Amino acid sequence: MAIDTSGTGARIARCATPTGTIAGVNVVLRILLLLWVCGYLFVSCAPILGGHLVLGAITFVGGIVLFVPWVFGIVVLAALIAATNPPGR
């Protein structure tokens, strides 16, 4: 938005928010959420699918223990994504 100052004829450019920065942060948060979800599934399920029974059992128990922090991370990332959505989306 350009504002004409009274009497001088000079224009001052003003921007309400740097939407490019916010949109970039939003994209980074979306990618981080994707990696968070896929990374947890890979870590907790890959040894079982690979046929390693002992390692699979250890990671299965670890997956159960880390499930609540994983869900909490999803909620936090989703809230940050919603907070950084550009206007009009």
N, C-alpha and C. Protein backbone atom coordinates (compact mmCIF):
# COMPACT_ATOMS: atom_id res chain seq x y z
N MET A 1 0.85 -1.16 0.00
CA MET A 1 0.00 0.00 0.00
C MET A 1 0.90 1.23 0.00
N ALA A 2 0.64 2.17 -0.87
CA ALA A 2 1.42 3.40 -0.93
C ALA A 2 0.60 4.54 -0.34
N ILE A 3 1.23 5.34 0.49
CA ILE A 3 0.57 6.47 1.14
C ILE A 3 1.25 7.75 0.67
N ASP A 4 0.43 8.71 0.25
CA ASP A 4 0.95 10.00 -0.17
C ASP A 4 0.96 10.93 1.05
N THR A 5 2.14 11.37 1.44
CA THR A 5 2.22 12.29 2.58
C THR A 5 1.72 13.66 2.15
N SER A 6 1.03 14.30 3.03
CA SER A 6 0.39 15.57 2.67
C SER A 6 1.43 16.66 2.38
N GLY A 7 1.26 17.31 1.25
CA GLY A 7 2.07 18.46 0.92
C GLY A 7 3.38 18.17 0.22
N THR A 8 3.95 16.98 0.37
CA THR A 8 5.26 16.73 -0.21
C THR A 8 5.18 15.99 -1.53
N GLY A 9 4.12 15.22 -1.73
CA GLY A 9 4.00 14.44 -2.95
C GLY A 9 4.83 13.17 -2.93
N ALA A 10 5.54 12.92 -1.83
CA ALA A 10 6.36 11.70 -1.73
C ALA A 10 5.47 10.53 -1.34
N ARG A 11 5.79 9.39 -1.84
CA ARG A 11 5.02 8.19 -1.51
C ARG A 11 5.84 7.31 -0.56
N ILE A 12 5.16 6.78 0.42
CA ILE A 12 5.79 5.88 1.39
C ILE A 12 5.17 4.51 1.21
N ALA A 13 5.99 3.52 0.92
CA ALA A 13 5.48 2.16 0.76
C ALA A 13 5.38 1.51 2.14
N ARG A 14 4.24 0.86 2.35
CA ARG A 14 4.03 0.20 3.63
C ARG A 14 3.39 -1.16 3.36
N CYS A 15 3.87 -2.15 4.05
CA CYS A 15 3.34 -3.50 3.92
C CYS A 15 2.87 -3.94 5.30
N ALA A 16 1.66 -4.49 5.37
CA ALA A 16 1.10 -4.88 6.67
C ALA A 16 1.87 -6.04 7.28
N THR A 17 2.09 -7.09 6.51
CA THR A 17 2.84 -8.25 7.00
C THR A 17 3.70 -8.80 5.88
N PRO A 18 4.85 -9.31 6.21
CA PRO A 18 5.69 -9.93 5.18
C PRO A 18 5.15 -11.33 4.85
N THR A 19 4.18 -11.41 3.93
CA THR A 19 3.52 -12.69 3.66
C THR A 19 4.46 -13.72 3.08
N GLY A 20 5.51 -13.29 2.40
CA GLY A 20 6.46 -14.26 1.86
C GLY A 20 7.15 -15.04 2.95
N THR A 21 7.50 -14.37 4.04
CA THR A 21 8.16 -15.04 5.16
C THR A 21 7.19 -15.98 5.87
N ILE A 22 5.96 -15.54 6.08
CA ILE A 22 4.98 -16.37 6.76
C ILE A 22 4.64 -17.59 5.92
N ALA A 23 4.50 -17.40 4.62
CA ALA A 23 4.20 -18.52 3.73
C ALA A 23 5.36 -19.52 3.73
N GLY A 24 6.58 -19.02 3.78
CA GLY A 24 7.74 -19.90 3.83
C GLY A 24 7.79 -20.71 5.11
N VAL A 25 7.48 -20.06 6.22
CA VAL A 25 7.43 -20.77 7.51
C VAL A 25 6.33 -21.82 7.48
N ASN A 26 5.21 -21.48 6.87
CA ASN A 26 4.10 -22.43 6.78
C ASN A 26 4.49 -23.67 6.00
N VAL A 27 5.19 -23.48 4.89
CA VAL A 27 5.63 -24.62 4.08
C VAL A 27 6.63 -25.48 4.86
N VAL A 28 7.55 -24.84 5.56
CA VAL A 28 8.53 -25.58 6.36
C VAL A 28 7.81 -26.39 7.46
N LEU A 29 6.82 -25.80 8.10
CA LEU A 29 6.07 -26.52 9.13
C LEU A 29 5.29 -27.69 8.55
N ARG A 30 4.74 -27.52 7.36
CA ARG A 30 4.03 -28.64 6.72
C ARG A 30 4.98 -29.79 6.39
N ILE A 31 6.17 -29.45 5.90
CA ILE A 31 7.16 -30.49 5.60
C ILE A 31 7.61 -31.18 6.89
N LEU A 32 7.80 -30.40 7.94
CA LEU A 32 8.19 -30.95 9.23
C LEU A 32 7.12 -31.89 9.78
N LEU A 33 5.85 -31.53 9.61
CA LEU A 33 4.76 -32.40 10.04
C LEU A 33 4.77 -33.72 9.26
N LEU A 34 5.00 -33.63 7.96
CA LEU A 34 5.08 -34.85 7.15
C LEU A 34 6.22 -35.75 7.60
N LEU A 35 7.39 -35.15 7.84
CA LEU A 35 8.54 -35.93 8.31
C LEU A 35 8.29 -36.51 9.70
N TRP A 36 7.60 -35.75 10.55
CA TRP A 36 7.29 -36.20 11.92
C TRP A 36 6.42 -37.46 11.87
N VAL A 37 5.37 -37.42 11.05
CA VAL A 37 4.45 -38.56 10.96
C VAL A 37 5.15 -39.76 10.32
N CYS A 38 5.79 -39.55 9.19
CA CYS A 38 6.43 -40.66 8.48
C CYS A 38 7.63 -41.20 9.25
N GLY A 39 8.37 -40.33 9.89
CA GLY A 39 9.53 -40.77 10.68
C GLY A 39 9.13 -41.67 11.84
N TYR A 40 8.07 -41.30 12.54
CA TYR A 40 7.59 -42.13 13.65
C TYR A 40 7.15 -43.49 13.15
N LEU A 41 6.38 -43.51 12.06
CA LEU A 41 5.92 -44.79 11.52
C LEU A 41 7.09 -45.64 11.05
N PHE A 42 8.09 -45.02 10.45
CA PHE A 42 9.25 -45.77 9.99
C PHE A 42 10.03 -46.36 11.16
N VAL A 43 10.26 -45.54 12.17
CA VAL A 43 11.05 -46.00 13.33
C VAL A 43 10.32 -47.10 14.09
N SER A 44 9.01 -46.98 14.23
CA SER A 44 8.29 -47.96 15.04
C SER A 44 7.91 -49.22 14.27
N CYS A 45 7.81 -49.16 12.95
CA CYS A 45 7.33 -50.32 12.19
C CYS A 45 8.37 -50.98 11.30
N ALA A 46 9.43 -50.31 10.94
CA ALA A 46 10.39 -50.86 10.00
C ALA A 46 11.05 -52.15 10.48
N PRO A 47 11.50 -52.25 11.74
CA PRO A 47 12.12 -53.51 12.16
C PRO A 47 11.15 -54.69 12.15
N ILE A 48 9.89 -54.45 12.46
CA ILE A 48 8.90 -55.52 12.43
C ILE A 48 8.71 -56.00 11.00
N LEU A 49 8.59 -55.05 10.07
CA LEU A 49 8.40 -55.42 8.67
C LEU A 49 9.65 -56.05 8.07
N GLY A 50 10.81 -55.74 8.63
CA GLY A 50 12.06 -56.30 8.13
C GLY A 50 12.35 -57.69 8.66
N GLY A 51 11.58 -58.19 9.60
CA GLY A 51 11.77 -59.53 10.12
C GLY A 51 12.67 -59.62 11.33
N HIS A 52 13.09 -58.53 11.91
CA HIS A 52 13.91 -58.54 13.12
C HIS A 52 12.99 -58.58 14.33
N LEU A 53 12.82 -59.76 14.89
CA LEU A 53 11.83 -59.94 15.95
C LEU A 53 12.24 -59.23 17.23
N VAL A 54 13.49 -59.37 17.66
CA VAL A 54 13.93 -58.76 18.92
C VAL A 54 13.96 -57.24 18.79
N LEU A 55 14.59 -56.75 17.73
CA LEU A 55 14.63 -55.32 17.50
C LEU A 55 13.23 -54.77 17.26
N GLY A 56 12.41 -55.55 16.60
CA GLY A 56 11.02 -55.15 16.36
C GLY A 56 10.24 -55.03 17.66
N ALA A 57 10.47 -55.95 18.59
CA ALA A 57 9.78 -55.88 19.88
C ALA A 57 10.24 -54.66 20.68
N ILE A 58 11.53 -54.37 20.64
CA ILE A 58 12.06 -53.20 21.37
C ILE A 58 11.48 -51.91 20.78
N THR A 59 11.47 -51.79 19.47
CA THR A 59 10.94 -50.57 18.87
C THR A 59 9.42 -50.49 18.99
N PHE A 60 8.75 -51.64 19.06
CA PHE A 60 7.31 -51.64 19.28
C PHE A 60 6.98 -51.06 20.66
N VAL A 61 7.71 -51.49 21.68
CA VAL A 61 7.52 -50.95 23.03
C VAL A 61 7.91 -49.47 23.06
N GLY A 62 9.00 -49.13 22.41
CA GLY A 62 9.39 -47.72 22.32
C GLY A 62 8.35 -46.89 21.59
N GLY A 63 7.74 -47.48 20.58
CA GLY A 63 6.68 -46.78 19.86
C GLY A 63 5.47 -46.52 20.72
N ILE A 64 5.15 -47.47 21.59
CA ILE A 64 4.03 -47.27 22.51
C ILE A 64 4.36 -46.15 23.51
N VAL A 65 5.58 -46.16 24.03
CA VAL A 65 5.99 -45.14 25.00
C VAL A 65 6.03 -43.76 24.35
N LEU A 66 6.48 -43.67 23.12
CA LEU A 66 6.62 -42.38 22.44
C LEU A 66 5.37 -41.94 21.70
N PHE A 67 4.28 -42.71 21.81
CA PHE A 67 3.06 -42.37 21.08
C PHE A 67 2.45 -41.05 21.55
N VAL A 68 2.37 -40.85 22.86
CA VAL A 68 1.77 -39.62 23.39
C VAL A 68 2.58 -38.39 22.99
N PRO A 69 3.92 -38.38 23.14
CA PRO A 69 4.67 -37.21 22.65
C PRO A 69 4.53 -37.01 21.14
N TRP A 70 4.38 -38.10 20.39
CA TRP A 70 4.19 -37.99 18.95
C TRP A 70 2.88 -37.29 18.63
N VAL A 71 1.80 -37.70 19.30
CA VAL A 71 0.51 -37.06 19.09
C VAL A 71 0.57 -35.59 19.52
N PHE A 72 1.23 -35.32 20.64
CA PHE A 72 1.39 -33.94 21.11
C PHE A 72 2.14 -33.11 20.06
N GLY A 73 3.17 -33.69 19.45
CA GLY A 73 3.91 -33.00 18.40
C GLY A 73 3.04 -32.70 17.19
N ILE A 74 2.17 -33.64 16.84
CA ILE A 74 1.25 -33.41 15.72
C ILE A 74 0.31 -32.25 16.03
N VAL A 75 -0.21 -32.22 17.25
CA VAL A 75 -1.13 -31.15 17.64
C VAL A 75 -0.41 -29.79 17.61
N VAL A 76 0.80 -29.74 18.14
CA VAL A 76 1.56 -28.48 18.16
C VAL A 76 1.88 -28.03 16.74
N LEU A 77 2.35 -28.93 15.90
CA LEU A 77 2.67 -28.56 14.52
C LEU A 77 1.42 -28.13 13.75
N ALA A 78 0.30 -28.82 13.98
CA ALA A 78 -0.94 -28.43 13.30
C ALA A 78 -1.39 -27.04 13.76
N ALA A 79 -1.24 -26.72 15.04
CA ALA A 79 -1.60 -25.40 15.54
C ALA A 79 -0.69 -24.32 14.94
N LEU A 80 0.60 -24.62 14.83
CA LEU A 80 1.52 -23.66 14.22
C LEU A 80 1.23 -23.46 12.74
N ILE A 81 0.86 -24.52 12.05
CA ILE A 81 0.50 -24.42 10.64
C ILE A 81 -0.75 -23.55 10.50
N ALA A 82 -1.73 -23.77 11.37
CA ALA A 82 -2.96 -22.96 11.31
C ALA A 82 -2.66 -21.50 11.63
N ALA A 83 -1.73 -21.27 12.55
CA ALA A 83 -1.40 -19.89 12.94
C ALA A 83 -0.62 -19.16 11.85
N THR A 84 0.12 -19.89 11.03
CA THR A 84 0.92 -19.24 9.99
C THR A 84 0.30 -19.33 8.62
N ASN A 85 -0.95 -19.81 8.52
CA ASN A 85 -1.62 -19.81 7.22
C ASN A 85 -1.75 -18.38 6.72
N PRO A 86 -1.38 -18.14 5.48
CA PRO A 86 -1.55 -16.78 4.93
C PRO A 86 -3.05 -16.41 4.92
N PRO A 87 -3.35 -15.14 5.03
CA PRO A 87 -4.76 -14.71 5.01
C PRO A 87 -5.42 -15.12 3.70
N GLY A 88 -6.68 -15.52 3.81
CA GLY A 88 -7.41 -15.91 2.62
C GLY A 88 -7.29 -17.37 2.28
N ARG A 89 -6.65 -18.14 3.12
CA ARG A 89 -6.52 -19.58 2.87
C ARG A 89 -7.41 -20.34 3.78
